[in-house]
Amino acid sequence: MDTFPDLGSLSDQELKDLIQQLTEEEVEVSYRRRLLHGKIDILRAELVNRLRKKHDQGEDVISGADVDRLTEILTGRAEKPDQSA
């Protein structure tokens, strides 16, 4: 991440330009976030539909691996997601 500039050394126009630049960047990031959330919602809905079909057909929808993973999460032994992305 870039260091924040010394605000006292910036002219009024430079401050306005920086505000405009960061505002545009925030709009872009917000748009990208909304797209990602939409994709996540679609994927979750698909997964729920598949699990519902398996359940309706009498198949197990929760495996032993699922139970093991949940146990790890609840005991705090699960790996934390990578925060660098």
PDB file of N, CA and C in Angstrom:
ATOM      1  N   MET A   1       0.843  -1.178   0.000  1.00  0.00           N
ATOM      2  CA  MET A   1       0.000   0.000   0.000  1.00  0.00           C
ATOM      3  C   MET A   1       0.885   1.237   0.000  1.00  0.00           C
ATOM      4  N   ASP A   2       0.494   2.213  -0.775  1.00  0.00           N
ATOM      5  CA  ASP A   2       1.244   3.460  -0.840  1.00  0.00           C
ATOM      6  C   ASP A   2       1.134   4.193   0.486  1.00  0.00           C
ATOM      7  N   THR A   3       2.194   4.941   0.797  1.00  0.00           N
ATOM      8  CA  THR A   3       2.133   5.759   2.000  1.00  0.00           C
ATOM      9  C   THR A   3       1.248   6.957   1.734  1.00  0.00           C
ATOM     10  N   PHE A   4       0.612   7.444   2.778  1.00  0.00           N
ATOM     11  CA  PHE A   4      -0.270   8.591   2.637  1.00  0.00           C
ATOM     12  C   PHE A   4       0.584   9.846   2.525  1.00  0.00           C
ATOM     13  N   PRO A   5       0.240  10.766   1.617  1.00  0.00           N
ATOM     14  CA  PRO A   5       1.074  11.954   1.401  1.00  0.00           C
ATOM     15  C   PRO A   5       0.997  12.913   2.599  1.00  0.00           C
ATOM     16  N   ASP A   6       2.003  13.764   2.700  1.00  0.00           N
ATOM     17  CA  ASP A   6       1.996  14.826   3.695  1.00  0.00           C
ATOM     18  C   ASP A   6       0.954  15.849   3.247  1.00  0.00           C
ATOM     19  N   LEU A   7      -0.179  15.852   3.933  1.00  0.00           N
ATOM     20  CA  LEU A   7      -1.293  16.694   3.495  1.00  0.00           C
ATOM     21  C   LEU A   7      -0.955  18.179   3.527  1.00  0.00           C
ATOM     22  N   GLY A   8      -0.104  18.579   4.444  1.00  0.00           N
ATOM     23  CA  GLY A   8       0.269  19.988   4.534  1.00  0.00           C
ATOM     24  C   GLY A   8       1.052  20.481   3.334  1.00  0.00           C
ATOM     25  N   SER A   9       1.692  19.565   2.628  1.00  0.00           N
ATOM     26  CA  SER A   9       2.503  19.970   1.476  1.00  0.00           C
ATOM     27  C   SER A   9       1.703  20.002   0.177  1.00  0.00           C
ATOM     28  N   LEU A  10       0.453  19.573   0.213  1.00  0.00           N
ATOM     29  CA  LEU A  10      -0.372  19.532  -1.005  1.00  0.00           C
ATOM     30  C   LEU A  10      -1.135  20.835  -1.185  1.00  0.00           C
ATOM     31  N   SER A  11      -1.264  21.249  -2.439  1.00  0.00           N
ATOM     32  CA  SER A  11      -2.070  22.433  -2.753  1.00  0.00           C
ATOM     33  C   SER A  11      -3.548  22.064  -2.685  1.00  0.00           C
ATOM     34  N   ASP A  12      -4.398  23.062  -2.728  1.00  0.00           N
ATOM     35  CA  ASP A  12      -5.844  22.800  -2.709  1.00  0.00           C
ATOM     36  C   ASP A  12      -6.242  21.925  -3.894  1.00  0.00           C
ATOM     37  N   GLN A  13      -5.681  22.215  -5.066  1.00  0.00           N
ATOM     38  CA  GLN A  13      -6.015  21.436  -6.256  1.00  0.00           C
ATOM     39  C   GLN A  13      -5.534  19.998  -6.119  1.00  0.00           C
ATOM     40  N   GLU A  14      -4.352  19.811  -5.558  1.00  0.00           N
ATOM     41  CA  GLU A  14      -3.835  18.451  -5.352  1.00  0.00           C
ATOM     42  C   GLU A  14      -4.715  17.676  -4.379  1.00  0.00           C
ATOM     43  N   LEU A  15      -5.202  18.354  -3.336  1.00  0.00           N
ATOM     44  CA  LEU A  15      -6.125  17.705  -2.402  1.00  0.00           C
ATOM     45  C   LEU A  15      -7.418  17.297  -3.109  1.00  0.00           C
ATOM     46  N   LYS A  16      -7.961  18.207  -3.925  1.00  0.00           N
ATOM     47  CA  LYS A  16      -9.186  17.902  -4.670  1.00  0.00           C
ATOM     48  C   LYS A  16      -8.975  16.731  -5.620  1.00  0.00           C
ATOM     49  N   ASP A  17      -7.823  16.737  -6.294  1.00  0.00           N
ATOM     50  CA  ASP A  17      -7.514  15.647  -7.221  1.00  0.00           C
ATOM     51  C   ASP A  17      -7.387  14.317  -6.488  1.00  0.00           C
ATOM     52  N   LEU A  18      -6.748  14.342  -5.330  1.00  0.00           N
ATOM     53  CA  LEU A  18      -6.588  13.125  -4.535  1.00  0.00           C
ATOM     54  C   LEU A  18      -7.937  12.618  -4.038  1.00  0.00           C
ATOM     55  N   ILE A  19      -8.787  13.532  -3.597  1.00  0.00           N
ATOM     56  CA  ILE A  19     -10.142  13.152  -3.169  1.00  0.00           C
ATOM     57  C   ILE A  19     -10.887  12.506  -4.335  1.00  0.00           C
ATOM     58  N   GLN A  20     -10.805  13.112  -5.521  1.00  0.00           N
ATOM     59  CA  GLN A  20     -11.485  12.565  -6.703  1.00  0.00           C
ATOM     60  C   GLN A  20     -10.951  11.188  -7.062  1.00  0.00           C
ATOM     61  N   GLN A  21      -9.628  11.040  -7.024  1.00  0.00           N
ATOM     62  CA  GLN A  21      -9.006   9.761  -7.361  1.00  0.00           C
ATOM     63  C   GLN A  21      -9.450   8.672  -6.389  1.00  0.00           C
ATOM     64  N   LEU A  22      -9.416   8.963  -5.099  1.00  0.00           N
ATOM     65  CA  LEU A  22      -9.795   7.961  -4.103  1.00  0.00           C
ATOM     66  C   LEU A  22     -11.288   7.651  -4.146  1.00  0.00           C
ATOM     67  N   THR A  23     -12.093   8.658  -4.461  1.00  0.00           N
ATOM     68  CA  THR A  23     -13.539   8.432  -4.601  1.00  0.00           C
ATOM     69  C   THR A  23     -13.820   7.497  -5.768  1.00  0.00           C
ATOM     70  N   GLU A  24     -13.147   7.725  -6.892  1.00  0.00           N
ATOM     71  CA  GLU A  24     -13.318   6.847  -8.052  1.00  0.00           C
ATOM     72  C   GLU A  24     -12.855   5.422  -7.737  1.00  0.00           C
ATOM     73  N   GLU A  25     -11.755   5.314  -7.019  1.00  0.00           N
ATOM     74  CA  GLU A  25     -11.255   3.996  -6.630  1.00  0.00           C
ATOM     75  C   GLU A  25     -12.247   3.277  -5.716  1.00  0.00           C
ATOM     76  N   GLU A  26     -12.843   4.018  -4.781  1.00  0.00           N
ATOM     77  CA  GLU A  26     -13.818   3.426  -3.865  1.00  0.00           C
ATOM     78  C   GLU A  26     -15.054   2.946  -4.611  1.00  0.00           C
ATOM     79  N   VAL A  27     -15.495   3.701  -5.602  1.00  0.00           N
ATOM     80  CA  VAL A  27     -16.642   3.305  -6.416  1.00  0.00           C
ATOM     81  C   VAL A  27     -16.334   2.002  -7.150  1.00  0.00           C
ATOM     82  N   GLU A  28     -15.128   1.910  -7.696  1.00  0.00           N
ATOM     83  CA  GLU A  28     -14.715   0.710  -8.414  1.00  0.00           C
ATOM     84  C   GLU A  28     -14.657  -0.504  -7.481  1.00  0.00           C
ATOM     85  N   VAL A  29     -14.086  -0.312  -6.304  1.00  0.00           N
ATOM     86  CA  VAL A  29     -13.985  -1.405  -5.331  1.00  0.00           C
ATOM     87  C   VAL A  29     -15.379  -1.837  -4.868  1.00  0.00           C
ATOM     88  N   SER A  30     -16.254  -0.881  -4.632  1.00  0.00           N
ATOM     89  CA  SER A  30     -17.622  -1.199  -4.201  1.00  0.00           C
ATOM     90  C   SER A  30     -18.358  -1.994  -5.274  1.00  0.00           C
ATOM     91  N   TYR A  31     -18.181  -1.600  -6.527  1.00  0.00           N
ATOM     92  CA  TYR A  31     -18.817  -2.308  -7.637  1.00  0.00           C
ATOM     93  C   TYR A  31     -18.308  -3.748  -7.703  1.00  0.00           C
ATOM     94  N   ARG A  32     -17.007  -3.904  -7.591  1.00  0.00           N
ATOM     95  CA  ARG A  32     -16.404  -5.244  -7.618  1.00  0.00           C
ATOM     96  C   ARG A  32     -16.910  -6.104  -6.463  1.00  0.00           C
ATOM     97  N   ARG A  33     -17.031  -5.503  -5.283  1.00  0.00           N
ATOM     98  CA  ARG A  33     -17.535  -6.215  -4.112  1.00  0.00           C
ATOM     99  C   ARG A  33     -18.969  -6.682  -4.334  1.00  0.00           C
ATOM    100  N   ARG A  34     -19.797  -5.824  -4.907  1.00  0.00           N
ATOM    101  CA  ARG A  34     -21.190  -6.210  -5.174  1.00  0.00           C
ATOM    102  C   ARG A  34     -21.259  -7.350  -6.182  1.00  0.00           C
ATOM    103  N   LEU A  35     -20.390  -7.306  -7.200  1.00  0.00           N
ATOM    104  CA  LEU A  35     -20.352  -8.410  -8.163  1.00  0.00           C
ATOM    105  C   LEU A  35     -19.963  -9.720  -7.485  1.00  0.00           C
ATOM    106  N   LEU A  36     -18.946  -9.673  -6.644  1.00  0.00           N
ATOM    107  CA  LEU A  36     -18.505 -10.872  -5.939  1.00  0.00           C
ATOM    108  C   LEU A  36     -19.595 -11.416  -5.023  1.00  0.00           C
ATOM    109  N   HIS A  37     -20.277 -10.543  -4.312  1.00  0.00           N
ATOM    110  CA  HIS A  37     -21.357 -10.991  -3.437  1.00  0.00           C
ATOM    111  C   HIS A  37     -22.484 -11.630  -4.242  1.00  0.00           C
ATOM    112  N   GLY A  38     -22.773 -11.064  -5.401  1.00  0.00           N
ATOM    113  CA  GLY A  38     -23.796 -11.654  -6.264  1.00  0.00           C
ATOM    114  C   GLY A  38     -23.400 -13.050  -6.727  1.00  0.00           C
ATOM    115  N   LYS A  39     -22.153 -13.207  -7.124  1.00  0.00           N
ATOM    116  CA  LYS A  39     -21.675 -14.532  -7.554  1.00  0.00           C
ATOM    117  C   LYS A  39     -21.711 -15.527  -6.406  1.00  0.00           C
ATOM    118  N   ILE A  40     -21.307 -15.086  -5.222  1.00  0.00           N
ATOM    119  CA  ILE A  40     -21.348 -15.957  -4.045  1.00  0.00           C
ATOM    120  C   ILE A  40     -22.778 -16.388  -3.756  1.00  0.00           C
ATOM    121  N   ASP A  41     -23.725 -15.461  -3.824  1.00  0.00           N
ATOM    122  CA  ASP A  41     -25.130 -15.792  -3.588  1.00  0.00           C
ATOM    123  C   ASP A  41     -25.637 -16.825  -4.593  1.00  0.00           C
ATOM    124  N   ILE A  42     -25.272 -16.671  -5.857  1.00  0.00           N
ATOM    125  CA  ILE A  42     -25.695 -17.619  -6.888  1.00  0.00           C
ATOM    126  C   ILE A  42     -25.105 -18.999  -6.620  1.00  0.00           C
ATOM    127  N   LEU A  43     -23.816 -19.039  -6.264  1.00  0.00           N
ATOM    128  CA  LEU A  43     -23.164 -20.318  -5.980  1.00  0.00           C
ATOM    129  C   LEU A  43     -23.784 -20.999  -4.760  1.00  0.00           C
ATOM    130  N   ARG A  44     -24.082 -20.231  -3.730  1.00  0.00           N
ATOM    131  CA  ARG A  44     -24.706 -20.806  -2.536  1.00  0.00           C
ATOM    132  C   ARG A  44     -26.089 -21.347  -2.852  1.00  0.00           C
ATOM    133  N   ALA A  45     -26.849 -20.620  -3.652  1.00  0.00           N
ATOM    134  CA  ALA A  45     -28.179 -21.082  -4.032  1.00  0.00           C
ATOM    135  C   ALA A  45     -28.089 -22.390  -4.812  1.00  0.00           C
ATOM    136  N   GLU A  46     -27.103 -22.485  -5.709  1.00  0.00           N
ATOM    137  CA  GLU A  46     -26.910 -23.721  -6.469  1.00  0.00           C
ATOM    138  C   GLU A  46     -26.560 -24.871  -5.536  1.00  0.00           C
ATOM    139  N   LEU A  47     -25.691 -24.628  -4.580  1.00  0.00           N
ATOM    140  CA  LEU A  47     -25.310 -25.673  -3.633  1.00  0.00           C
ATOM    141  C   LEU A  47     -26.511 -26.124  -2.805  1.00  0.00           C
ATOM    142  N   VAL A  48     -27.314 -25.198  -2.352  1.00  0.00           N
ATOM    143  CA  VAL A  48     -28.515 -25.542  -1.585  1.00  0.00           C
ATOM    144  C   VAL A  48     -29.461 -26.383  -2.440  1.00  0.00           C
ATOM    145  N   ASN A  49     -29.631 -26.013  -3.697  1.00  0.00           N
ATOM    146  CA  ASN A  49     -30.502 -26.795  -4.582  1.00  0.00           C
ATOM    147  C   ASN A  49     -29.980 -28.212  -4.760  1.00  0.00           C
ATOM    148  N   ARG A  50     -28.680 -28.349  -4.929  1.00  0.00           N
ATOM    149  CA  ARG A  50     -28.098 -29.686  -5.089  1.00  0.00           C
ATOM    150  C   ARG A  50     -28.259 -30.520  -3.828  1.00  0.00           C
ATOM    151  N   LEU A  51     -28.014 -29.897  -2.675  1.00  0.00           N
ATOM    152  CA  LEU A  51     -28.181 -30.626  -1.416  1.00  0.00           C
ATOM    153  C   LEU A  51     -29.640 -31.018  -1.196  1.00  0.00           C
ATOM    154  N   ARG A  52     -30.540 -30.131  -1.571  1.00  0.00           N
ATOM    155  CA  ARG A  52     -31.970 -30.432  -1.436  1.00  0.00           C
ATOM    156  C   ARG A  52     -32.354 -31.634  -2.310  1.00  0.00           C
ATOM    157  N   LYS A  53     -31.825 -31.670  -3.541  1.00  0.00           N
ATOM    158  CA  LYS A  53     -32.099 -32.803  -4.435  1.00  0.00           C
ATOM    159  C   LYS A  53     -31.557 -34.097  -3.851  1.00  0.00           C
ATOM    160  N   LYS A  54     -30.333 -34.052  -3.309  1.00  0.00           N
ATOM    161  CA  LYS A  54     -29.755 -35.250  -2.700  1.00  0.00           C
ATOM    162  C   LYS A  54     -30.614 -35.721  -1.531  1.00  0.00           C
ATOM    163  N   HIS A  55     -31.054 -34.789  -0.729  1.00  0.00           N
ATOM    164  CA  HIS A  55     -31.894 -35.128   0.425  1.00  0.00           C
ATOM    165  C   HIS A  55     -33.215 -35.743  -0.032  1.00  0.00           C
ATOM    166  N   ASP A  56     -33.806 -35.138  -1.052  1.00  0.00           N
ATOM    167  CA  ASP A  56     -35.084 -35.654  -1.573  1.00  0.00           C
ATOM    168  C   ASP A  56     -34.934 -37.063  -2.152  1.00  0.00           C
ATOM    169  N   GLN A  57     -33.732 -37.368  -2.657  1.00  0.00           N
ATOM    170  CA  GLN A  57     -33.476 -38.690  -3.227  1.00  0.00           C
ATOM    171  C   GLN A  57     -32.994 -39.683  -2.171  1.00  0.00           C
ATOM    172  N   GLY A  58     -32.935 -39.249  -0.918  1.00  0.00           N
ATOM    173  CA  GLY A  58     -32.546 -40.138   0.167  1.00  0.00           C
ATOM    174  C   GLY A  58     -31.054 -40.263   0.396  1.00  0.00           C
ATOM    175  N   GLU A  59     -30.259 -39.452  -0.288  1.00  0.00           N
ATOM    176  CA  GLU A  59     -28.808 -39.502  -0.110  1.00  0.00           C
ATOM    177  C   GLU A  59     -28.401 -38.699   1.125  1.00  0.00           C
ATOM    178  N   ASP A  60     -27.223 -39.047   1.683  1.00  0.00           N
ATOM    179  CA  ASP A  60     -26.662 -38.270   2.785  1.00  0.00           C
ATOM    180  C   ASP A  60     -26.191 -36.929   2.237  1.00  0.00           C
ATOM    181  N   VAL A  61     -26.519 -35.863   2.939  1.00  0.00           N
ATOM    182  CA  VAL A  61     -26.076 -34.543   2.501  1.00  0.00           C
ATOM    183  C   VAL A  61     -24.918 -34.039   3.357  1.00  0.00           C
ATOM    184  N   ILE A  62     -24.641 -34.725   4.461  1.00  0.00           N
ATOM    185  CA  ILE A  62     -23.514 -34.364   5.316  1.00  0.00           C
ATOM    186  C   ILE A  62     -22.619 -35.587   5.442  1.00  0.00           C
ATOM    187  N   SER A  63     -21.345 -35.397   5.119  1.00  0.00           N
ATOM    188  CA  SER A  63     -20.396 -36.507   5.178  1.00  0.00           C
ATOM    189  C   SER A  63     -19.603 -36.455   6.478  1.00  0.00           C
ATOM    190  N   GLY A  64     -18.848 -37.513   6.709  1.00  0.00           N
ATOM    191  CA  GLY A  64     -17.966 -37.535   7.868  1.00  0.00           C
ATOM    192  C   GLY A  64     -16.938 -36.432   7.806  1.00  0.00           C
ATOM    193  N   ALA A  65     -16.467 -36.125   6.597  1.00  0.00           N
ATOM    194  CA  ALA A  65     -15.498 -35.039   6.426  1.00  0.00           C
ATOM    195  C   ALA A  65     -16.116 -33.696   6.822  1.00  0.00           C
ATOM    196  N   ASP A  66     -17.398 -33.525   6.526  1.00  0.00           N
ATOM    197  CA  ASP A  66     -18.091 -32.298   6.921  1.00  0.00           C
ATOM    198  C   ASP A  66     -18.141 -32.169   8.442  1.00  0.00           C
ATOM    199  N   VAL A  67     -18.432 -33.262   9.111  1.00  0.00           N
ATOM    200  CA  VAL A  67     -18.503 -33.268  10.569  1.00  0.00           C
ATOM    201  C   VAL A  67     -17.121 -32.982  11.156  1.00  0.00           C
ATOM    202  N   ASP A  68     -16.087 -33.599  10.578  1.00  0.00           N
ATOM    203  CA  ASP A  68     -14.723 -33.347  11.047  1.00  0.00           C
ATOM    204  C   ASP A  68     -14.347 -31.880  10.881  1.00  0.00           C
ATOM    205  N   ARG A  69     -14.679 -31.303   9.747  1.00  0.00           N
ATOM    206  CA  ARG A  69     -14.364 -29.886   9.480  1.00  0.00           C
ATOM    207  C   ARG A  69     -15.104 -28.984  10.462  1.00  0.00           C
ATOM    208  N   LEU A  70     -16.367 -29.276  10.712  1.00  0.00           N
ATOM    209  CA  LEU A  70     -17.146 -28.480  11.657  1.00  0.00           C
ATOM    210  C   LEU A  70     -16.543 -28.578  13.054  1.00  0.00           C
ATOM    211  N   THR A  71     -16.110 -29.776  13.432  1.00  0.00           N
ATOM    212  CA  THR A  71     -15.472 -29.961  14.735  1.00  0.00           C
ATOM    213  C   THR A  71     -14.211 -29.112  14.842  1.00  0.00           C
ATOM    214  N   GLU A  72     -13.407 -29.080  13.773  1.00  0.00           N
ATOM    215  CA  GLU A  72     -12.200 -28.253  13.761  1.00  0.00           C
ATOM    216  C   GLU A  72     -12.545 -26.776  13.923  1.00  0.00           C
ATOM    217  N   ILE A  73     -13.565 -26.339  13.229  1.00  0.00           N
ATOM    218  CA  ILE A  73     -13.976 -24.935  13.301  1.00  0.00           C
ATOM    219  C   ILE A  73     -14.424 -24.594  14.715  1.00  0.00           C
ATOM    220  N   LEU A  74     -15.261 -25.452  15.291  1.00  0.00           N
ATOM    221  CA  LEU A  74     -15.816 -25.166  16.611  1.00  0.00           C
ATOM    222  C   LEU A  74     -14.768 -25.242  17.720  1.00  0.00           C
ATOM    223  N   THR A  75     -13.734 -26.043  17.532  1.00  0.00           N
ATOM    224  CA  THR A  75     -12.680 -26.129  18.544  1.00  0.00           C
ATOM    225  C   THR A  75     -11.562 -25.133  18.295  1.00  0.00           C
ATOM    226  N   GLY A  76     -11.674 -24.357  17.232  1.00  0.00           N
ATOM    227  CA  GLY A  76     -10.689 -23.330  16.935  1.00  0.00           C
ATOM    228  C   GLY A  76      -9.423 -23.850  16.300  1.00  0.00           C
ATOM    229  N   ARG A  77      -9.459 -25.072  15.797  1.00  0.00           N
ATOM    230  CA  ARG A  77      -8.268 -25.653  15.176  1.00  0.00           C
ATOM    231  C   ARG A  77      -8.239 -25.449  13.672  1.00  0.00           C
ATOM    232  N   ALA A  78      -9.263 -24.881  13.123  1.00  0.00           N
ATOM    233  CA  ALA A  78      -9.330 -24.704  11.658  1.00  0.00           C
ATOM    234  C   ALA A  78      -8.351 -23.624  11.230  1.00  0.00           C
ATOM    235  N   GLU A  79      -7.781 -23.799  10.026  1.00  0.00           N
ATOM    236  CA  GLU A  79      -6.892 -22.786   9.476  1.00  0.00           C
ATOM    237  C   GLU A  79      -7.693 -21.554   9.128  1.00  0.00           C
ATOM    238  N   LYS A  80      -7.094 -20.402   9.409  1.00  0.00           N
ATOM    239  CA  LYS A  80      -7.748 -19.148   9.068  1.00  0.00           C
ATOM    240  C   LYS A  80      -7.574 -18.895   7.584  1.00  0.00           C
ATOM    241  N   PRO A  81      -8.575 -18.259   6.950  1.00  0.00           N
ATOM    242  CA  PRO A  81      -8.444 -17.957   5.512  1.00  0.00           C
ATOM    243  C   PRO A  81      -7.268 -17.021   5.278  1.00  0.00           C
ATOM    244  N   ASP A  82      -6.667 -17.142   4.090  1.00  0.00           N
ATOM    245  CA  ASP A  82      -5.546 -16.292   3.699  1.00  0.00           C
ATOM    246  C   ASP A  82      -6.055 -14.862   3.548  1.00  0.00           C
ATOM    247  N   GLN A  83      -5.503 -13.940   4.321  1.00  0.00           N
ATOM    248  CA  GLN A  83      -5.929 -12.552   4.300  1.00  0.00           C
ATOM    249  C   GLN A  83      -5.165 -11.708   3.287  1.00  0.00           C
ATOM    250  N   SER A  84      -4.205 -12.302   2.569  1.00  0.00           N
ATOM    251  CA  SER A  84      -3.411 -11.528   1.622  1.00  0.00           C
ATOM    252  C   SER A  84      -4.126 -11.280   0.317  1.00  0.00           C
ATOM    253  N   ALA A  85      -5.195 -12.006   0.042  1.00  0.00           N
ATOM    254  CA  ALA A  85      -5.905 -11.854  -1.224  1.00  0.00           C
ATOM    255  C   ALA A  85      -6.765 -10.624  -1.247  1.00  0.00           C
TER     256      ALA A  85
END
